[in-house]
């Protein structure tokens, strides 16, 4: 019962965040422009503004967010073929380890060679702690990764962040090896915004 009420509370909070993002003028808070989120049966790879530009430069296709994966019943796994790798965090921390910085340097190098690509950085947590605490911690993890990419020369307006807290785990077992996989920042290529 507690899990159901936590999930319901999280979905309400996500809805509020999504509605707030749809009204925000900032490019970093609304990576999807005015486009609605896809429904459970739709594909996030449908043609949107900017798709033609990305196709003509042969850049990476739009990725599926963890929320898209959840809606389609799939695990929120970053494909091995993705050039952007996940960054892992220690328990109850959002500072970047040496390993995380090394992954972010590789991600930054790829992003600098693909200047039209926009990325949403998702912050995730393990199941320990309250839903509210984990949403805040996930946001700090995503923001830490974003800030480091900016120091490496990636334009800030190309990077947005969101937090899913503990609500979309990669692994669902209650043990340290599973929790370690869930404490991550995930990088998802988002649709390009049309030039105004």
Foldseek 3Di string as FASTA:
>chain_A
DVVVVQLVVLVVVVVVLQVVLLPDPALQSNVAHNDDDDALPDDLQDDDPQPVVCVVVVHDGFFDALVNCVSPVHARDDDPPDQQDKAWDDAPDQAHDPVRLVSLLSVLVVCVVVVQWAKEKEFFAAPPDGQVSQQVSRQSNSVNSLVSSVVSPRDSSRYYYGYSGHPRQNDDDPDDVRRRRGGIIDITTHRGDHDD
